[in-house]
Amino acid sequence: MAFTNSLKMKIAVILGVVHMMFGLFLKLLNNIRQKQILDIITLTIPQILFLSCTFVYMDFLIIYKWSSSYSSPTEAPSIISTMISVYVNMAKYKKEDKLFWP
């Protein structure tokens, strides 16, 4: 039961990010059609950039963790710790943390 709940949650996160990215691309196309260059530069591009740098990266980590095999569940790196470390520690590696980078 715990495995299926975790799987459903991760699939929901991936689909949610895909849905948000699709909405931003529709917004970009709408701004291009209406010739709102200022909105493209100041709103749409920064939103796409932020979404890509945070949530698309998190989706990449989810898929990477699924595709990698670990000898025990305790050896698997934590997605949450990695995402927090990106912003709190400014991506500085600590040996005691089990993150996705060496």
N, C-alpha and C. Protein backbone atom coordinates (compact mmCIF):
# COMPACT_ATOMS: atom_id res chain seq x y z
N MET A 1 0.81 -1.20 0.00
CA MET A 1 0.00 0.00 0.00
C MET A 1 0.86 1.27 0.00
N ALA A 2 1.93 1.25 0.78
CA ALA A 2 2.79 2.43 0.85
C ALA A 2 3.46 2.69 -0.49
N PHE A 3 3.83 1.59 -1.20
CA PHE A 3 4.47 1.76 -2.50
C PHE A 3 3.51 2.40 -3.51
N THR A 4 2.26 1.95 -3.53
CA THR A 4 1.32 2.50 -4.51
C THR A 4 0.98 3.95 -4.19
N ASN A 5 0.89 4.30 -2.91
CA ASN A 5 0.63 5.69 -2.56
C ASN A 5 1.80 6.58 -2.98
N SER A 6 3.02 6.11 -2.77
CA SER A 6 4.20 6.87 -3.18
C SER A 6 4.25 7.01 -4.69
N LEU A 7 3.94 5.93 -5.39
CA LEU A 7 3.95 5.97 -6.85
C LEU A 7 2.89 6.93 -7.38
N LYS A 8 1.69 6.87 -6.82
CA LYS A 8 0.62 7.78 -7.25
C LYS A 8 0.99 9.23 -6.99
N MET A 9 1.63 9.49 -5.86
CA MET A 9 2.01 10.87 -5.53
C MET A 9 3.06 11.38 -6.51
N LYS A 10 4.04 10.56 -6.84
CA LYS A 10 5.09 10.99 -7.76
C LYS A 10 4.56 11.17 -9.17
N ILE A 11 3.67 10.31 -9.59
CA ILE A 11 3.06 10.46 -10.92
C ILE A 11 2.21 11.73 -10.95
N ALA A 12 1.51 12.02 -9.86
CA ALA A 12 0.69 13.24 -9.79
C ALA A 12 1.57 14.48 -9.86
N VAL A 13 2.74 14.45 -9.23
CA VAL A 13 3.66 15.59 -9.30
C VAL A 13 4.15 15.79 -10.73
N ILE A 14 4.52 14.71 -11.39
CA ILE A 14 5.01 14.81 -12.77
C ILE A 14 3.92 15.34 -13.69
N LEU A 15 2.70 14.80 -13.56
CA LEU A 15 1.60 15.28 -14.41
C LEU A 15 1.24 16.73 -14.10
N GLY A 16 1.32 17.12 -12.85
CA GLY A 16 1.04 18.51 -12.48
C GLY A 16 2.04 19.48 -13.08
N VAL A 17 3.31 19.11 -13.09
CA VAL A 17 4.33 19.97 -13.68
C VAL A 17 4.15 20.04 -15.20
N VAL A 18 3.83 18.92 -15.82
CA VAL A 18 3.56 18.93 -17.26
C VAL A 18 2.37 19.83 -17.57
N HIS A 19 1.34 19.76 -16.75
CA HIS A 19 0.16 20.60 -16.93
C HIS A 19 0.50 22.08 -16.79
N MET A 20 1.30 22.43 -15.77
CA MET A 20 1.69 23.83 -15.58
C MET A 20 2.56 24.34 -16.73
N MET A 21 3.48 23.48 -17.21
CA MET A 21 4.34 23.88 -18.32
C MET A 21 3.51 24.09 -19.59
N PHE A 22 2.53 23.22 -19.82
CA PHE A 22 1.64 23.38 -20.97
C PHE A 22 0.88 24.69 -20.88
N GLY A 23 0.40 25.04 -19.69
CA GLY A 23 -0.30 26.31 -19.49
C GLY A 23 0.59 27.51 -19.76
N LEU A 24 1.85 27.42 -19.35
CA LEU A 24 2.77 28.53 -19.61
C LEU A 24 3.09 28.67 -21.10
N PHE A 25 3.19 27.56 -21.81
CA PHE A 25 3.43 27.65 -23.25
C PHE A 25 2.20 28.20 -23.98
N LEU A 26 1.00 27.87 -23.49
CA LEU A 26 -0.20 28.48 -24.06
C LEU A 26 -0.22 29.98 -23.80
N LYS A 27 0.21 30.38 -22.60
CA LYS A 27 0.30 31.80 -22.27
C LYS A 27 1.31 32.50 -23.18
N LEU A 28 2.43 31.84 -23.45
CA LEU A 28 3.44 32.40 -24.34
C LEU A 28 2.88 32.58 -25.75
N LEU A 29 2.19 31.57 -26.25
CA LEU A 29 1.60 31.67 -27.59
C LEU A 29 0.54 32.77 -27.64
N ASN A 30 -0.23 32.90 -26.58
CA ASN A 30 -1.25 33.94 -26.51
C ASN A 30 -0.61 35.33 -26.51
N ASN A 31 0.48 35.49 -25.75
CA ASN A 31 1.18 36.77 -25.73
C ASN A 31 1.81 37.10 -27.07
N ILE A 32 2.32 36.08 -27.75
CA ILE A 32 2.89 36.30 -29.09
C ILE A 32 1.80 36.72 -30.07
N ARG A 33 0.65 36.04 -29.99
CA ARG A 33 -0.45 36.36 -30.90
C ARG A 33 -0.98 37.77 -30.66
N GLN A 34 -1.03 38.19 -29.39
CA GLN A 34 -1.52 39.53 -29.07
C GLN A 34 -0.42 40.59 -29.11
N LYS A 35 0.79 40.18 -29.48
CA LYS A 35 1.94 41.08 -29.59
C LYS A 35 2.23 41.84 -28.29
N GLN A 36 2.17 41.13 -27.18
CA GLN A 36 2.48 41.72 -25.87
C GLN A 36 3.91 41.35 -25.49
N ILE A 37 4.84 42.05 -26.10
CA ILE A 37 6.26 41.75 -25.93
C ILE A 37 6.71 41.98 -24.48
N LEU A 38 6.19 43.03 -23.85
CA LEU A 38 6.57 43.32 -22.47
C LEU A 38 6.14 42.19 -21.53
N ASP A 39 4.95 41.64 -21.73
CA ASP A 39 4.50 40.52 -20.90
C ASP A 39 5.34 39.27 -21.14
N ILE A 40 5.77 39.08 -22.36
CA ILE A 40 6.63 37.92 -22.66
C ILE A 40 7.94 38.04 -21.91
N ILE A 41 8.55 39.22 -21.96
CA ILE A 41 9.87 39.40 -21.35
C ILE A 41 9.80 39.44 -19.83
N THR A 42 8.80 40.10 -19.28
CA THR A 42 8.77 40.30 -17.82
C THR A 42 7.97 39.25 -17.06
N LEU A 43 7.06 38.54 -17.70
CA LEU A 43 6.24 37.56 -16.98
C LEU A 43 6.45 36.13 -17.47
N THR A 44 6.23 35.89 -18.73
CA THR A 44 6.17 34.53 -19.22
C THR A 44 7.52 33.83 -19.19
N ILE A 45 8.55 34.48 -19.70
CA ILE A 45 9.88 33.85 -19.72
C ILE A 45 10.41 33.61 -18.30
N PRO A 46 10.30 34.55 -17.35
CA PRO A 46 10.73 34.23 -15.99
C PRO A 46 9.93 33.11 -15.34
N GLN A 47 8.63 33.02 -15.63
CA GLN A 47 7.83 31.94 -15.08
C GLN A 47 8.27 30.59 -15.64
N ILE A 48 8.53 30.52 -16.93
CA ILE A 48 9.00 29.28 -17.54
C ILE A 48 10.38 28.91 -16.98
N LEU A 49 11.24 29.90 -16.82
CA LEU A 49 12.58 29.65 -16.28
C LEU A 49 12.52 29.13 -14.84
N PHE A 50 11.70 29.76 -14.00
CA PHE A 50 11.57 29.32 -12.61
C PHE A 50 10.98 27.92 -12.54
N LEU A 51 9.94 27.66 -13.31
CA LEU A 51 9.32 26.34 -13.31
C LEU A 51 10.32 25.27 -13.76
N SER A 52 11.09 25.59 -14.79
CA SER A 52 12.06 24.63 -15.30
C SER A 52 13.18 24.36 -14.29
N CYS A 53 13.66 25.41 -13.65
CA CYS A 53 14.79 25.25 -12.72
C CYS A 53 14.40 24.54 -11.44
N THR A 54 13.17 24.60 -11.04
CA THR A 54 12.80 23.96 -9.78
C THR A 54 12.02 22.66 -10.02
N PHE A 55 10.86 22.76 -10.60
CA PHE A 55 9.97 21.60 -10.67
C PHE A 55 10.31 20.62 -11.78
N VAL A 56 10.82 21.10 -12.90
CA VAL A 56 11.26 20.16 -13.94
C VAL A 56 12.50 19.42 -13.45
N TYR A 57 13.37 20.11 -12.71
CA TYR A 57 14.52 19.44 -12.10
C TYR A 57 14.06 18.38 -11.10
N MET A 58 13.04 18.69 -10.31
CA MET A 58 12.52 17.71 -9.36
C MET A 58 11.94 16.50 -10.09
N ASP A 59 11.24 16.73 -11.20
CA ASP A 59 10.74 15.61 -12.00
C ASP A 59 11.89 14.77 -12.54
N PHE A 60 12.96 15.44 -12.98
CA PHE A 60 14.14 14.71 -13.43
C PHE A 60 14.69 13.83 -12.31
N LEU A 61 14.76 14.37 -11.08
CA LEU A 61 15.25 13.58 -9.96
C LEU A 61 14.37 12.38 -9.67
N ILE A 62 13.06 12.55 -9.78
CA ILE A 62 12.12 11.45 -9.55
C ILE A 62 12.37 10.34 -10.57
N ILE A 63 12.47 10.70 -11.83
CA ILE A 63 12.67 9.70 -12.89
C ILE A 63 14.05 9.07 -12.76
N TYR A 64 15.05 9.88 -12.41
CA TYR A 64 16.40 9.34 -12.22
C TYR A 64 16.43 8.33 -11.07
N LYS A 65 15.73 8.63 -9.99
CA LYS A 65 15.69 7.72 -8.85
C LYS A 65 14.95 6.43 -9.20
N TRP A 66 13.90 6.54 -10.00
CA TRP A 66 13.19 5.34 -10.44
C TRP A 66 14.07 4.46 -11.31
N SER A 67 14.89 5.06 -12.16
CA SER A 67 15.68 4.29 -13.12
C SER A 67 16.97 3.73 -12.53
N SER A 68 17.35 4.17 -11.34
CA SER A 68 18.57 3.68 -10.70
C SER A 68 18.22 2.60 -9.70
N SER A 69 19.13 1.65 -9.54
CA SER A 69 18.90 0.60 -8.56
C SER A 69 19.83 0.80 -7.37
N TYR A 70 19.32 0.55 -6.19
CA TYR A 70 20.07 0.69 -4.96
C TYR A 70 19.98 -0.62 -4.19
N SER A 71 21.04 -0.97 -3.48
CA SER A 71 21.07 -2.25 -2.80
C SER A 71 20.07 -2.30 -1.63
N SER A 72 19.84 -1.16 -1.01
CA SER A 72 18.83 -1.10 0.06
C SER A 72 18.14 0.26 0.00
N PRO A 73 16.91 0.33 0.51
CA PRO A 73 16.19 1.62 0.46
C PRO A 73 16.86 2.73 1.25
N THR A 74 17.68 2.39 2.24
CA THR A 74 18.35 3.43 3.03
C THR A 74 19.50 4.07 2.27
N GLU A 75 20.01 3.40 1.23
CA GLU A 75 21.09 3.97 0.44
C GLU A 75 20.60 4.93 -0.64
N ALA A 76 19.33 4.90 -0.93
CA ALA A 76 18.79 5.76 -1.98
C ALA A 76 18.83 7.22 -1.53
N PRO A 77 19.25 8.12 -2.40
CA PRO A 77 19.29 9.54 -2.04
C PRO A 77 17.88 10.11 -1.89
N SER A 78 17.77 11.13 -1.10
CA SER A 78 16.48 11.74 -0.83
C SER A 78 16.22 12.91 -1.79
N ILE A 79 15.08 12.88 -2.44
CA ILE A 79 14.70 13.97 -3.35
C ILE A 79 14.45 15.25 -2.56
N ILE A 80 13.78 15.12 -1.43
CA ILE A 80 13.47 16.30 -0.62
C ILE A 80 14.74 16.96 -0.10
N SER A 81 15.68 16.14 0.41
CA SER A 81 16.95 16.70 0.90
C SER A 81 17.73 17.38 -0.22
N THR A 82 17.69 16.78 -1.40
CA THR A 82 18.40 17.38 -2.53
C THR A 82 17.79 18.72 -2.92
N MET A 83 16.46 18.79 -2.99
CA MET A 83 15.79 20.04 -3.37
C MET A 83 16.02 21.13 -2.31
N ILE A 84 15.99 20.75 -1.05
CA ILE A 84 16.24 21.73 0.02
C ILE A 84 17.69 22.20 -0.03
N SER A 85 18.60 21.28 -0.28
CA SER A 85 20.02 21.62 -0.32
C SER A 85 20.35 22.57 -1.46
N VAL A 86 19.62 22.49 -2.54
CA VAL A 86 19.87 23.38 -3.67
C VAL A 86 19.72 24.84 -3.24
N TYR A 87 18.74 25.12 -2.41
CA TYR A 87 18.46 26.51 -2.04
C TYR A 87 19.05 26.90 -0.69
N VAL A 88 19.00 26.03 0.28
CA VAL A 88 19.47 26.38 1.61
C VAL A 88 21.00 26.38 1.68
N ASN A 89 21.61 25.31 1.18
CA ASN A 89 23.07 25.19 1.24
C ASN A 89 23.75 25.70 -0.01
N MET A 90 22.98 26.25 -0.93
CA MET A 90 23.51 26.73 -2.20
C MET A 90 24.31 25.63 -2.90
N ALA A 91 23.78 24.41 -2.85
CA ALA A 91 24.32 23.23 -3.53
C ALA A 91 25.71 22.84 -3.04
N LYS A 92 26.03 23.14 -1.79
CA LYS A 92 27.30 22.69 -1.21
C LYS A 92 27.09 21.27 -0.70
N TYR A 93 28.01 20.42 -1.03
CA TYR A 93 27.90 19.01 -0.68
C TYR A 93 28.41 18.75 0.72
N LYS A 94 27.63 17.99 1.49
CA LYS A 94 28.07 17.51 2.80
C LYS A 94 28.08 16.00 2.75
N LYS A 95 29.11 15.39 3.29
CA LYS A 95 29.26 13.94 3.20
C LYS A 95 28.15 13.18 3.93
N GLU A 96 27.60 13.75 4.98
CA GLU A 96 26.58 13.04 5.74
C GLU A 96 25.22 13.02 5.02
N ASP A 97 25.02 13.91 4.07
CA ASP A 97 23.78 13.92 3.30
C ASP A 97 23.87 12.93 2.15
N LYS A 98 22.77 12.26 1.88
CA LYS A 98 22.73 11.35 0.73
C LYS A 98 21.98 12.08 -0.36
N LEU A 99 22.74 12.77 -1.20
CA LEU A 99 22.16 13.56 -2.27
C LEU A 99 22.45 12.91 -3.61
N PHE A 100 22.00 13.52 -4.67
CA PHE A 100 22.14 12.93 -5.99
C PHE A 100 23.48 13.23 -6.64
N TRP A 101 24.25 14.16 -6.12
CA TRP A 101 25.54 14.42 -6.73
C TRP A 101 26.63 13.85 -5.81
N PRO A 102 27.78 13.51 -6.38
CA PRO A 102 28.83 12.83 -5.59
C PRO A 102 29.48 13.71 -4.56
